[in-house]
Amino acid sequence: MSADLGITIITAVTHDDKLSPEDRNDVRKKAMEVTGSKKAQTFLFANWLEEHEEYDVRYQRDVLKMLHSALWSGERSVRARQIQRKLNKNK
């Protein structure tokens, strides 16, 4: 998170279903390097195509984790900005 801006970078990589386990780790590392996201905020997803009746439970769980991370980060950012406004108001 960029502490001065209150920003958390969340990275989503698609086409995980096309990657080998070795490539998966390499892609995750490179995505983290490029975006500056942390491991806990870097998610890999498979594409959900029409011919699939259900989306893999592992990916469903990761989608929910990503949404939770985004909501939590947004809430934390709002609280930090509210505190900053109060501090500036009291000066």
N, C-alpha and C. Protein backbone atom coordinates (compact mmCIF):
# COMPACT_ATOMS: atom_id res chain seq x y z
N MET A 1 0.85 -1.18 0.00
CA MET A 1 0.00 0.00 0.00
C MET A 1 0.88 1.23 0.00
N SER A 2 0.54 2.20 -0.80
CA SER A 2 1.22 3.47 -0.81
C SER A 2 0.66 4.28 0.35
N ALA A 3 1.41 4.34 1.45
CA ALA A 3 0.91 4.93 2.68
C ALA A 3 0.51 6.39 2.52
N ASP A 4 1.25 7.14 1.71
CA ASP A 4 0.94 8.55 1.57
C ASP A 4 -0.35 8.78 0.79
N LEU A 5 -0.74 7.85 -0.07
CA LEU A 5 -1.95 8.01 -0.86
C LEU A 5 -3.10 7.14 -0.36
N GLY A 6 -2.83 6.17 0.49
CA GLY A 6 -3.87 5.27 0.97
C GLY A 6 -4.36 4.32 -0.11
N ILE A 7 -3.45 3.90 -0.97
CA ILE A 7 -3.82 3.04 -2.10
C ILE A 7 -3.26 1.64 -1.90
N THR A 8 -4.10 0.63 -2.11
CA THR A 8 -3.67 -0.76 -2.12
C THR A 8 -3.81 -1.27 -3.54
N ILE A 9 -2.76 -1.82 -4.08
CA ILE A 9 -2.79 -2.33 -5.45
C ILE A 9 -3.23 -3.79 -5.42
N ILE A 10 -4.27 -4.10 -6.18
CA ILE A 10 -4.77 -5.46 -6.29
C ILE A 10 -4.61 -5.88 -7.75
N THR A 11 -3.94 -7.01 -7.95
CA THR A 11 -3.63 -7.48 -9.30
C THR A 11 -4.40 -8.75 -9.61
N ALA A 12 -5.05 -8.77 -10.76
CA ALA A 12 -5.77 -9.96 -11.23
C ALA A 12 -5.14 -10.41 -12.54
N VAL A 13 -4.69 -11.66 -12.58
CA VAL A 13 -4.09 -12.25 -13.78
C VAL A 13 -5.05 -13.31 -14.29
N THR A 14 -5.37 -13.25 -15.57
CA THR A 14 -6.30 -14.23 -16.16
C THR A 14 -5.53 -15.33 -16.89
N HIS A 15 -6.23 -16.31 -17.36
CA HIS A 15 -5.71 -17.44 -18.13
C HIS A 15 -4.87 -18.40 -17.28
N ASP A 16 -5.14 -18.44 -15.99
CA ASP A 16 -4.41 -19.35 -15.12
C ASP A 16 -4.56 -20.80 -15.57
N ASP A 17 -5.69 -21.13 -16.16
CA ASP A 17 -5.93 -22.51 -16.61
C ASP A 17 -5.00 -22.91 -17.75
N LYS A 18 -4.32 -21.96 -18.37
CA LYS A 18 -3.40 -22.25 -19.47
C LYS A 18 -1.95 -22.37 -19.00
N LEU A 19 -1.71 -22.15 -17.72
CA LEU A 19 -0.34 -22.12 -17.19
C LEU A 19 0.05 -23.43 -16.51
N SER A 20 1.32 -23.78 -16.66
CA SER A 20 1.86 -24.91 -15.90
C SER A 20 2.15 -24.40 -14.48
N PRO A 21 2.33 -25.30 -13.51
CA PRO A 21 2.65 -24.84 -12.15
C PRO A 21 3.91 -23.98 -12.09
N GLU A 22 4.92 -24.30 -12.89
CA GLU A 22 6.15 -23.50 -12.91
C GLU A 22 5.87 -22.11 -13.48
N ASP A 23 5.12 -22.07 -14.58
CA ASP A 23 4.78 -20.79 -15.19
C ASP A 23 3.91 -19.95 -14.27
N ARG A 24 3.03 -20.59 -13.54
CA ARG A 24 2.11 -19.90 -12.63
C ARG A 24 2.90 -19.09 -11.60
N ASN A 25 3.92 -19.71 -11.00
CA ASN A 25 4.74 -19.00 -10.01
C ASN A 25 5.50 -17.85 -10.64
N ASP A 26 6.02 -18.07 -11.85
CA ASP A 26 6.78 -17.04 -12.55
C ASP A 26 5.87 -15.86 -12.91
N VAL A 27 4.67 -16.17 -13.41
CA VAL A 27 3.72 -15.12 -13.78
C VAL A 27 3.31 -14.31 -12.55
N ARG A 28 3.06 -14.99 -11.44
CA ARG A 28 2.69 -14.29 -10.20
C ARG A 28 3.81 -13.33 -9.77
N LYS A 29 5.05 -13.83 -9.78
CA LYS A 29 6.19 -12.98 -9.38
C LYS A 29 6.33 -11.77 -10.29
N LYS A 30 6.23 -12.01 -11.59
CA LYS A 30 6.38 -10.90 -12.54
C LYS A 30 5.25 -9.89 -12.40
N ALA A 31 4.03 -10.37 -12.18
CA ALA A 31 2.89 -9.47 -11.98
C ALA A 31 3.10 -8.61 -10.74
N MET A 32 3.61 -9.21 -9.69
CA MET A 32 3.88 -8.47 -8.46
C MET A 32 4.96 -7.42 -8.68
N GLU A 33 6.01 -7.79 -9.43
CA GLU A 33 7.08 -6.83 -9.72
C GLU A 33 6.57 -5.65 -10.53
N VAL A 34 5.77 -5.94 -11.54
CA VAL A 34 5.28 -4.89 -12.44
C VAL A 34 4.30 -3.96 -11.74
N THR A 35 3.38 -4.53 -10.97
CA THR A 35 2.31 -3.71 -10.37
C THR A 35 2.66 -3.18 -8.99
N GLY A 36 3.58 -3.85 -8.30
CA GLY A 36 3.91 -3.46 -6.94
C GLY A 36 2.95 -4.03 -5.91
N SER A 37 2.12 -4.98 -6.32
CA SER A 37 1.18 -5.58 -5.38
C SER A 37 1.89 -6.61 -4.51
N LYS A 38 1.30 -6.89 -3.38
CA LYS A 38 1.83 -7.92 -2.49
C LYS A 38 1.24 -9.27 -2.88
N LYS A 39 1.82 -10.35 -2.36
CA LYS A 39 1.35 -11.69 -2.70
C LYS A 39 -0.12 -11.87 -2.33
N ALA A 40 -0.52 -11.33 -1.18
CA ALA A 40 -1.91 -11.48 -0.73
C ALA A 40 -2.90 -10.70 -1.59
N GLN A 41 -2.41 -9.75 -2.39
CA GLN A 41 -3.28 -8.98 -3.26
C GLN A 41 -3.04 -9.28 -4.75
N THR A 42 -2.45 -10.44 -5.03
CA THR A 42 -2.22 -10.87 -6.41
C THR A 42 -2.99 -12.16 -6.64
N PHE A 43 -3.93 -12.13 -7.57
CA PHE A 43 -4.84 -13.25 -7.80
C PHE A 43 -4.73 -13.75 -9.22
N LEU A 44 -4.77 -15.08 -9.38
CA LEU A 44 -4.77 -15.70 -10.69
C LEU A 44 -6.10 -16.39 -10.91
N PHE A 45 -6.69 -16.15 -12.09
CA PHE A 45 -8.00 -16.69 -12.40
C PHE A 45 -7.99 -17.39 -13.75
N ALA A 46 -8.82 -18.40 -13.85
CA ALA A 46 -9.07 -19.03 -15.15
C ALA A 46 -10.25 -18.31 -15.79
N ASN A 47 -10.31 -18.37 -17.09
CA ASN A 47 -11.47 -17.80 -17.78
C ASN A 47 -12.64 -18.74 -17.61
N TRP A 48 -13.81 -18.19 -17.43
CA TRP A 48 -15.02 -18.99 -17.31
C TRP A 48 -15.72 -18.94 -18.66
N LEU A 49 -15.63 -20.01 -19.38
CA LEU A 49 -16.18 -20.06 -20.72
C LEU A 49 -17.58 -20.63 -20.70
N GLU A 50 -18.34 -20.35 -21.74
CA GLU A 50 -19.73 -20.78 -21.81
C GLU A 50 -19.89 -22.29 -21.71
N GLU A 51 -18.91 -23.03 -22.21
CA GLU A 51 -19.05 -24.49 -22.19
C GLU A 51 -18.88 -25.09 -20.79
N HIS A 52 -18.39 -24.31 -19.85
CA HIS A 52 -18.27 -24.78 -18.47
C HIS A 52 -19.57 -24.53 -17.73
N GLU A 53 -20.06 -25.56 -17.08
CA GLU A 53 -21.30 -25.37 -16.33
C GLU A 53 -21.07 -24.66 -15.01
N GLU A 54 -19.91 -24.91 -14.39
CA GLU A 54 -19.59 -24.26 -13.12
C GLU A 54 -18.16 -23.75 -13.14
N TYR A 55 -17.95 -22.68 -12.41
CA TYR A 55 -16.60 -22.11 -12.26
C TYR A 55 -15.92 -22.85 -11.12
N ASP A 56 -14.69 -23.25 -11.31
CA ASP A 56 -13.93 -24.00 -10.32
C ASP A 56 -14.02 -23.34 -8.94
N VAL A 57 -14.27 -24.13 -7.92
CA VAL A 57 -14.44 -23.62 -6.55
C VAL A 57 -13.21 -22.84 -6.09
N ARG A 58 -12.05 -23.27 -6.49
CA ARG A 58 -10.81 -22.57 -6.12
C ARG A 58 -10.84 -21.13 -6.63
N TYR A 59 -11.27 -20.96 -7.88
CA TYR A 59 -11.33 -19.62 -8.45
C TYR A 59 -12.47 -18.81 -7.84
N GLN A 60 -13.58 -19.47 -7.53
CA GLN A 60 -14.68 -18.77 -6.86
C GLN A 60 -14.20 -18.19 -5.53
N ARG A 61 -13.47 -18.99 -4.79
CA ARG A 61 -12.93 -18.56 -3.50
C ARG A 61 -11.98 -17.37 -3.69
N ASP A 62 -11.14 -17.44 -4.71
CA ASP A 62 -10.19 -16.36 -4.95
C ASP A 62 -10.88 -15.07 -5.41
N VAL A 63 -11.96 -15.20 -6.17
CA VAL A 63 -12.74 -14.02 -6.56
C VAL A 63 -13.29 -13.35 -5.31
N LEU A 64 -13.84 -14.14 -4.40
CA LEU A 64 -14.37 -13.57 -3.15
C LEU A 64 -13.26 -12.95 -2.30
N LYS A 65 -12.09 -13.60 -2.26
CA LYS A 65 -10.96 -13.02 -1.52
C LYS A 65 -10.55 -11.68 -2.11
N MET A 66 -10.52 -11.62 -3.45
CA MET A 66 -10.13 -10.37 -4.11
C MET A 66 -11.15 -9.27 -3.80
N LEU A 67 -12.43 -9.59 -3.86
CA LEU A 67 -13.46 -8.59 -3.54
C LEU A 67 -13.37 -8.15 -2.09
N HIS A 68 -13.14 -9.10 -1.19
CA HIS A 68 -12.99 -8.76 0.23
C HIS A 68 -11.80 -7.82 0.42
N SER A 69 -10.69 -8.12 -0.23
CA SER A 69 -9.50 -7.29 -0.13
C SER A 69 -9.78 -5.88 -0.64
N ALA A 70 -10.49 -5.79 -1.75
CA ALA A 70 -10.81 -4.47 -2.32
C ALA A 70 -11.72 -3.68 -1.40
N LEU A 71 -12.75 -4.33 -0.87
CA LEU A 71 -13.68 -3.65 0.04
C LEU A 71 -12.99 -3.21 1.32
N TRP A 72 -12.17 -4.08 1.88
CA TRP A 72 -11.46 -3.76 3.12
C TRP A 72 -10.50 -2.60 2.90
N SER A 73 -9.79 -2.61 1.78
CA SER A 73 -8.85 -1.54 1.46
C SER A 73 -9.57 -0.22 1.25
N GLY A 74 -10.71 -0.27 0.57
CA GLY A 74 -11.50 0.94 0.36
C GLY A 74 -12.01 1.52 1.66
N GLU A 75 -12.51 0.66 2.53
CA GLU A 75 -13.01 1.11 3.83
C GLU A 75 -11.89 1.73 4.66
N ARG A 76 -10.73 1.10 4.65
CA ARG A 76 -9.58 1.62 5.39
C ARG A 76 -9.17 3.00 4.84
N SER A 77 -9.21 3.15 3.53
CA SER A 77 -8.86 4.42 2.90
C SER A 77 -9.85 5.52 3.29
N VAL A 78 -11.12 5.20 3.30
CA VAL A 78 -12.15 6.19 3.68
C VAL A 78 -11.94 6.62 5.12
N ARG A 79 -11.70 5.67 6.00
CA ARG A 79 -11.48 6.01 7.42
C ARG A 79 -10.25 6.91 7.59
N ALA A 80 -9.17 6.59 6.88
CA ALA A 80 -7.95 7.39 6.97
C ALA A 80 -8.19 8.82 6.48
N ARG A 81 -8.94 8.96 5.42
CA ARG A 81 -9.25 10.30 4.90
C ARG A 81 -10.14 11.08 5.85
N GLN A 82 -11.08 10.40 6.49
CA GLN A 82 -11.95 11.08 7.46
C GLN A 82 -11.12 11.58 8.64
N ILE A 83 -10.22 10.76 9.12
CA ILE A 83 -9.35 11.15 10.24
C ILE A 83 -8.49 12.34 9.83
N GLN A 84 -7.94 12.29 8.61
CA GLN A 84 -7.09 13.38 8.14
C GLN A 84 -7.88 14.69 8.05
N ARG A 85 -9.11 14.62 7.57
CA ARG A 85 -9.97 15.82 7.49
C ARG A 85 -10.21 16.41 8.89
N LYS A 86 -10.50 15.51 9.86
CA LYS A 86 -10.74 16.00 11.23
C LYS A 86 -9.49 16.66 11.80
N LEU A 87 -8.33 16.06 11.55
CA LEU A 87 -7.08 16.65 12.04
C LEU A 87 -6.82 18.00 11.40
N ASN A 88 -7.06 18.11 10.11
CA ASN A 88 -6.85 19.39 9.42
C ASN A 88 -7.85 20.44 9.87
N LYS A 89 -9.05 20.01 10.20
CA LYS A 89 -10.10 20.93 10.65
C LYS A 89 -9.76 21.52 12.02
N ASN A 90 -9.11 20.70 12.87
CA ASN A 90 -8.79 21.12 14.24
C ASN A 90 -7.53 21.99 14.32
N LYS A 91 -6.84 22.17 13.22
CA LYS A 91 -5.61 22.98 13.25
C LYS A 91 -5.91 24.45 13.29
